[in-house]
Amino acid sequence: MARLVKHERNKPYPVTTKDGETLYICGCGLSKNKPFCDGSHKMTADEEANQLYVYDGTQRSKITNLY
């Protein structure tokens, strides 16, 4: 079953391991390397506040807020 997941963050979550290494966890939902960030959030930099978008590859469409 398909799911629509709303992500309200457009940057990764930095997480520091016990060894002191910093890992970046995807916060935008667009990474192809989940759970890790691959830089895909850069596409979201110019989004309008309170606007809902759907991404399909490199294409972005505004949609009516459904929930």
PDB file of N, CA and C in Angstrom:
ATOM      1  N   MET A   1       0.843  -1.171   0.000  1.00  0.00           N
ATOM      2  CA  MET A   1       0.000   0.000   0.000  1.00  0.00           C
ATOM      3  C   MET A   1       0.890   1.237   0.000  1.00  0.00           C
ATOM      4  N   ALA A   2       0.543   2.214  -0.826  1.00  0.00           N
ATOM      5  CA  ALA A   2       1.297   3.465  -0.901  1.00  0.00           C
ATOM      6  C   ALA A   2       0.988   4.353   0.294  1.00  0.00           C
ATOM      7  N   ARG A   3       1.956   5.146   0.677  1.00  0.00           N
ATOM      8  CA  ARG A   3       1.797   6.060   1.800  1.00  0.00           C
ATOM      9  C   ARG A   3       2.276   7.441   1.388  1.00  0.00           C
ATOM     10  N   LEU A   4       1.615   8.461   1.888  1.00  0.00           N
ATOM     11  CA  LEU A   4       2.054   9.832   1.733  1.00  0.00           C
ATOM     12  C   LEU A   4       2.580  10.272   3.091  1.00  0.00           C
ATOM     13  N   VAL A   5       3.858  10.616   3.162  1.00  0.00           N
ATOM     14  CA  VAL A   5       4.494  11.005   4.410  1.00  0.00           C
ATOM     15  C   VAL A   5       4.889  12.468   4.308  1.00  0.00           C
ATOM     16  N   LYS A   6       4.474  13.261   5.260  1.00  0.00           N
ATOM     17  CA  LYS A   6       4.769  14.685   5.253  1.00  0.00           C
ATOM     18  C   LYS A   6       6.061  14.936   6.032  1.00  0.00           C
ATOM     19  N   HIS A   7       7.037  15.529   5.364  1.00  0.00           N
ATOM     20  CA  HIS A   7       8.306  15.910   5.991  1.00  0.00           C
ATOM     21  C   HIS A   7       8.339  17.424   6.078  1.00  0.00           C
ATOM     22  N   GLU A   8       8.559  17.963   7.255  1.00  0.00           N
ATOM     23  CA  GLU A   8       8.557  19.410   7.433  1.00  0.00           C
ATOM     24  C   GLU A   8       9.961  19.968   7.637  1.00  0.00           C
ATOM     25  N   ARG A   9      10.959  19.142   7.480  1.00  0.00           N
ATOM     26  CA  ARG A   9      12.342  19.579   7.674  1.00  0.00           C
ATOM     27  C   ARG A   9      13.047  19.575   6.324  1.00  0.00           C
ATOM     28  N   ASN A  10      13.893  20.572   6.072  1.00  0.00           N
ATOM     29  CA  ASN A  10      14.610  20.588   4.799  1.00  0.00           C
ATOM     30  C   ASN A  10      16.123  20.573   5.009  1.00  0.00           C
ATOM     31  N   LYS A  11      16.529  19.883   6.051  1.00  0.00           N
ATOM     32  CA  LYS A  11      17.953  19.681   6.301  1.00  0.00           C
ATOM     33  C   LYS A  11      18.122  18.398   7.110  1.00  0.00           C
ATOM     34  N   PRO A  12      19.334  17.850   7.146  1.00  0.00           N
ATOM     35  CA  PRO A  12      19.546  16.595   7.877  1.00  0.00           C
ATOM     36  C   PRO A  12      19.677  16.802   9.385  1.00  0.00           C
ATOM     37  N   TYR A  13      19.542  15.694  10.091  1.00  0.00           N
ATOM     38  CA  TYR A  13      19.770  15.659  11.531  1.00  0.00           C
ATOM     39  C   TYR A  13      21.214  15.201  11.777  1.00  0.00           C
ATOM     40  N   PRO A  14      22.063  16.025  12.377  1.00  0.00           N
ATOM     41  CA  PRO A  14      23.415  15.555  12.701  1.00  0.00           C
ATOM     42  C   PRO A  14      23.366  14.673  13.956  1.00  0.00           C
ATOM     43  N   VAL A  15      24.035  13.537  13.896  1.00  0.00           N
ATOM     44  CA  VAL A  15      24.092  12.600  15.021  1.00  0.00           C
ATOM     45  C   VAL A  15      25.555  12.264  15.262  1.00  0.00           C
ATOM     46  N   THR A  16      26.014  12.442  16.483  1.00  0.00           N
ATOM     47  CA  THR A  16      27.400  12.129  16.832  1.00  0.00           C
ATOM     48  C   THR A  16      27.452  10.757  17.481  1.00  0.00           C
ATOM     49  N   THR A  17      28.324   9.900  16.960  1.00  0.00           N
ATOM     50  CA  THR A  17      28.475   8.545  17.502  1.00  0.00           C
ATOM     51  C   THR A  17      29.361   8.575  18.734  1.00  0.00           C
ATOM     52  N   LYS A  18      29.438   7.457  19.425  1.00  0.00           N
ATOM     53  CA  LYS A  18      30.298   7.342  20.608  1.00  0.00           C
ATOM     54  C   LYS A  18      31.765   7.579  20.263  1.00  0.00           C
ATOM     55  N   ASP A  19      32.130   7.296  19.004  1.00  0.00           N
ATOM     56  CA  ASP A  19      33.506   7.485  18.548  1.00  0.00           C
ATOM     57  C   ASP A  19      33.801   8.922  18.136  1.00  0.00           C
ATOM     58  N   GLY A  20      32.799   9.804  18.219  1.00  0.00           N
ATOM     59  CA  GLY A  20      32.988  11.196  17.855  1.00  0.00           C
ATOM     60  C   GLY A  20      32.722  11.504  16.392  1.00  0.00           C
ATOM     61  N   GLU A  21      32.340  10.492  15.612  1.00  0.00           N
ATOM     62  CA  GLU A  21      32.032  10.695  14.197  1.00  0.00           C
ATOM     63  C   GLU A  21      30.641  11.328  14.076  1.00  0.00           C
ATOM     64  N   THR A  22      30.491  12.282  13.164  1.00  0.00           N
ATOM     65  CA  THR A  22      29.182  12.889  12.936  1.00  0.00           C
ATOM     66  C   THR A  22      28.563  12.273  11.689  1.00  0.00           C
ATOM     67  N   LEU A  23      27.357  11.728  11.858  1.00  0.00           N
ATOM     68  CA  LEU A  23      26.588  11.179  10.751  1.00  0.00           C
ATOM     69  C   LEU A  23      25.414  12.107  10.495  1.00  0.00           C
ATOM     70  N   TYR A  24      24.961  12.180   9.270  1.00  0.00           N
ATOM     71  CA  TYR A  24      23.835  13.040   8.925  1.00  0.00           C
ATOM     72  C   TYR A  24      22.676  12.168   8.459  1.00  0.00           C
ATOM     73  N   ILE A  25      21.566  12.238   9.193  1.00  0.00           N
ATOM     74  CA  ILE A  25      20.374  11.446   8.926  1.00  0.00           C
ATOM     75  C   ILE A  25      19.391  12.304   8.129  1.00  0.00           C
ATOM     76  N   CYS A  26      18.838  11.731   7.074  1.00  0.00           N
ATOM     77  CA  CYS A  26      17.914  12.454   6.192  1.00  0.00           C
ATOM     78  C   CYS A  26      16.717  12.975   6.980  1.00  0.00           C
ATOM     79  N   GLY A  27      16.410  14.251   6.802  1.00  0.00           N
ATOM     80  CA  GLY A  27      15.243  14.854   7.436  1.00  0.00           C
ATOM     81  C   GLY A  27      14.185  15.263   6.436  1.00  0.00           C
ATOM     82  N   CYS A  28      14.557  15.322   5.138  1.00  0.00           N
ATOM     83  CA  CYS A  28      13.613  15.791   4.119  1.00  0.00           C
ATOM     84  C   CYS A  28      12.834  14.655   3.468  1.00  0.00           C
ATOM     85  N   GLY A  29      13.351  13.434   3.568  1.00  0.00           N
ATOM     86  CA  GLY A  29      12.684  12.291   2.975  1.00  0.00           C
ATOM     87  C   GLY A  29      13.049  12.017   1.530  1.00  0.00           C
ATOM     88  N   LEU A  30      13.946  12.803   0.946  1.00  0.00           N
ATOM     89  CA  LEU A  30      14.273  12.660  -0.467  1.00  0.00           C
ATOM     90  C   LEU A  30      15.547  11.866  -0.748  1.00  0.00           C
ATOM     91  N   SER A  31      16.324  11.551   0.281  1.00  0.00           N
ATOM     92  CA  SER A  31      17.598  10.869   0.089  1.00  0.00           C
ATOM     93  C   SER A  31      17.410   9.506  -0.569  1.00  0.00           C
ATOM     94  N   LYS A  32      18.312   9.180  -1.472  1.00  0.00           N
ATOM     95  CA  LYS A  32      18.328   7.850  -2.097  1.00  0.00           C
ATOM     96  C   LYS A  32      19.195   6.895  -1.275  1.00  0.00           C
ATOM     97  N   ASN A  33      19.773   7.406  -0.196  1.00  0.00           N
ATOM     98  CA  ASN A  33      20.679   6.638   0.651  1.00  0.00           C
ATOM     99  C   ASN A  33      20.172   6.602   2.093  1.00  0.00           C
ATOM    100  N   LYS A  34      18.841   6.515   2.277  1.00  0.00           N
ATOM    101  CA  LYS A  34      18.257   6.530   3.621  1.00  0.00           C
ATOM    102  C   LYS A  34      18.813   5.400   4.465  1.00  0.00           C
ATOM    103  N   PRO A  35      19.027   5.625   5.730  1.00  0.00           N
ATOM    104  CA  PRO A  35      18.607   6.783   6.502  1.00  0.00           C
ATOM    105  C   PRO A  35      19.569   7.956   6.410  1.00  0.00           C
ATOM    106  N   PHE A  36      20.637   7.837   5.620  1.00  0.00           N
ATOM    107  CA  PHE A  36      21.655   8.876   5.574  1.00  0.00           C
ATOM    108  C   PHE A  36      21.330   9.941   4.531  1.00  0.00           C
ATOM    109  N   CYS A  37      21.800  11.136   4.788  1.00  0.00           N
ATOM    110  CA  CYS A  37      21.612  12.267   3.881  1.00  0.00           C
ATOM    111  C   CYS A  37      22.520  12.114   2.669  1.00  0.00           C
ATOM    112  N   ASP A  38      21.993  12.407   1.484  1.00  0.00           N
ATOM    113  CA  ASP A  38      22.809  12.427   0.268  1.00  0.00           C
ATOM    114  C   ASP A  38      22.814  13.811  -0.391  1.00  0.00           C
ATOM    115  N   GLY A  39      22.293  14.829   0.318  1.00  0.00           N
ATOM    116  CA  GLY A  39      22.275  16.186  -0.208  1.00  0.00           C
ATOM    117  C   GLY A  39      21.026  16.543  -0.986  1.00  0.00           C
ATOM    118  N   SER A  40      20.082  15.617  -1.101  1.00  0.00           N
ATOM    119  CA  SER A  40      18.854  15.873  -1.862  1.00  0.00           C
ATOM    120  C   SER A  40      18.037  17.024  -1.304  1.00  0.00           C
ATOM    121  N   HIS A  41      18.213  17.343  -0.022  1.00  0.00           N
ATOM    122  CA  HIS A  41      17.454  18.425   0.605  1.00  0.00           C
ATOM    123  C   HIS A  41      17.743  19.782  -0.045  1.00  0.00           C
ATOM    124  N   LYS A  42      18.807  19.892  -0.803  1.00  0.00           N
ATOM    125  CA  LYS A  42      19.132  21.156  -1.472  1.00  0.00           C
ATOM    126  C   LYS A  42      18.020  21.578  -2.429  1.00  0.00           C
ATOM    127  N   MET A  43      17.253  20.594  -2.953  1.00  0.00           N
ATOM    128  CA  MET A  43      16.122  20.902  -3.846  1.00  0.00           C
ATOM    129  C   MET A  43      15.010  21.644  -3.115  1.00  0.00           C
ATOM    130  N   THR A  44      14.985  21.558  -1.786  1.00  0.00           N
ATOM    131  CA  THR A  44      13.889  22.131  -1.006  1.00  0.00           C
ATOM    132  C   THR A  44      14.175  23.543  -0.512  1.00  0.00           C
ATOM    133  N   ALA A  45      15.345  24.079  -0.821  1.00  0.00           N
ATOM    134  CA  ALA A  45      15.792  25.367  -0.262  1.00  0.00           C
ATOM    135  C   ALA A  45      14.851  26.524  -0.572  1.00  0.00           C
ATOM    136  N   ASP A  46      14.190  26.503  -1.722  1.00  0.00           N
ATOM    137  CA  ASP A  46      13.342  27.637  -2.100  1.00  0.00           C
ATOM    138  C   ASP A  46      11.846  27.361  -1.931  1.00  0.00           C
ATOM    139  N   GLU A  47      11.501  26.359  -1.149  1.00  0.00           N
ATOM    140  CA  GLU A  47      10.087  26.072  -0.900  1.00  0.00           C
ATOM    141  C   GLU A  47       9.422  27.202  -0.119  1.00  0.00           C
ATOM    142  N   GLU A  48       8.152  27.439  -0.408  1.00  0.00           N
ATOM    143  CA  GLU A  48       7.373  28.430   0.329  1.00  0.00           C
ATOM    144  C   GLU A  48       6.894  27.818   1.643  1.00  0.00           C
ATOM    145  N   ALA A  49       6.898  28.624   2.697  1.00  0.00           N
ATOM    146  CA  ALA A  49       6.417  28.154   3.999  1.00  0.00           C
ATOM    147  C   ALA A  49       4.939  27.790   3.903  1.00  0.00           C
ATOM    148  N   ASN A  50       4.530  26.773   4.621  1.00  0.00           N
ATOM    149  CA  ASN A  50       3.132  26.313   4.675  1.00  0.00           C
ATOM    150  C   ASN A  50       2.582  25.859   3.333  1.00  0.00           C
ATOM    151  N   GLN A  51       3.453  25.494   2.397  1.00  0.00           N
ATOM    152  CA  GLN A  51       3.030  24.972   1.094  1.00  0.00           C
ATOM    153  C   GLN A  51       3.435  23.507   1.041  1.00  0.00           C
ATOM    154  N   LEU A  52       2.574  22.658   0.495  1.00  0.00           N
ATOM    155  CA  LEU A  52       2.847  21.231   0.394  1.00  0.00           C
ATOM    156  C   LEU A  52       3.350  20.917  -1.009  1.00  0.00           C
ATOM    157  N   TYR A  53       4.431  20.136  -1.087  1.00  0.00           N
ATOM    158  CA  TYR A  53       5.043  19.762  -2.360  1.00  0.00           C
ATOM    159  C   TYR A  53       5.144  18.248  -2.469  1.00  0.00           C
ATOM    160  N   VAL A  54       5.118  17.772  -3.710  1.00  0.00           N
ATOM    161  CA  VAL A  54       5.376  16.370  -4.002  1.00  0.00           C
ATOM    162  C   VAL A  54       6.559  16.339  -4.954  1.00  0.00           C
ATOM    163  N   TYR A  55       7.530  15.480  -4.656  1.00  0.00           N
ATOM    164  CA  TYR A  55       8.713  15.329  -5.491  1.00  0.00           C
ATOM    165  C   TYR A  55       8.648  13.999  -6.220  1.00  0.00           C
ATOM    166  N   ASP A  56       8.972  14.037  -7.514  1.00  0.00           N
ATOM    167  CA  ASP A  56       9.051  12.832  -8.339  1.00  0.00           C
ATOM    168  C   ASP A  56      10.366  12.917  -9.093  1.00  0.00           C
ATOM    169  N   GLY A  57      11.375  12.299  -8.526  1.00  0.00           N
ATOM    170  CA  GLY A  57      12.711  12.428  -9.098  1.00  0.00           C
ATOM    171  C   GLY A  57      13.203  13.849  -8.889  1.00  0.00           C
ATOM    172  N   THR A  58      13.469  14.557  -9.979  1.00  0.00           N
ATOM    173  CA  THR A  58      13.942  15.940  -9.878  1.00  0.00           C
ATOM    174  C   THR A  58      12.819  16.938 -10.107  1.00  0.00           C
ATOM    175  N   GLN A  59      11.590  16.460 -10.308  1.00  0.00           N
ATOM    176  CA  GLN A  59      10.441  17.336 -10.537  1.00  0.00           C
ATOM    177  C   GLN A  59       9.709  17.604  -9.224  1.00  0.00           C
ATOM    178  N   ARG A  60       9.246  18.846  -9.054  1.00  0.00           N
ATOM    179  CA  ARG A  60       8.507  19.228  -7.855  1.00  0.00           C
ATOM    180  C   ARG A  60       7.178  19.838  -8.276  1.00  0.00           C
ATOM    181  N   SER A  61       6.113  19.454  -7.573  1.00  0.00           N
ATOM    182  CA  SER A  61       4.782  20.003  -7.833  1.00  0.00           C
ATOM    183  C   SER A  61       4.162  20.463  -6.526  1.00  0.00           C
ATOM    184  N   LYS A  62       3.483  21.621  -6.570  1.00  0.00           N
ATOM    185  CA  LYS A  62       2.721  22.082  -5.422  1.00  0.00           C
ATOM    186  C   LYS A  62       1.395  21.334  -5.423  1.00  0.00           C
ATOM    187  N   ILE A  63       0.920  20.961  -4.240  1.00  0.00           N
ATOM    188  CA  ILE A  63      -0.390  20.327  -4.158  1.00  0.00           C
ATOM    189  C   ILE A  63      -1.184  20.966  -3.025  1.00  0.00           C
ATOM    190  N   THR A  64      -2.477  20.769  -3.081  1.00  0.00           N
ATOM    191  CA  THR A  64      -3.360  21.257  -2.025  1.00  0.00           C
ATOM    192  C   THR A  64      -3.117  20.435  -0.772  1.00  0.00           C
ATOM    193  N   ASN A  65      -3.031  21.098   0.363  1.00  0.00           N
ATOM    194  CA  ASN A  65      -2.804  20.400   1.612  1.00  0.00           C
ATOM    195  C   ASN A  65      -3.960  19.449   1.888  1.00  0.00           C
ATOM    196  N   LEU A  66      -3.667  18.160   1.926  1.00  0.00           N
ATOM    197  CA  LEU A  66      -4.700  17.142   2.097  1.00  0.00           C
ATOM    198  C   LEU A  66      -4.927  16.745   3.544  1.00  0.00           C
ATOM    199  N   TYR A  67      -3.998  17.120   4.421  1.00  0.00           N
ATOM    200  CA  TYR A  67      -4.152  16.787   5.842  1.00  0.00           C
ATOM    201  C   TYR A  67      -3.419  17.774   6.690  1.00  0.00           C
TER     202      TYR A  67
END
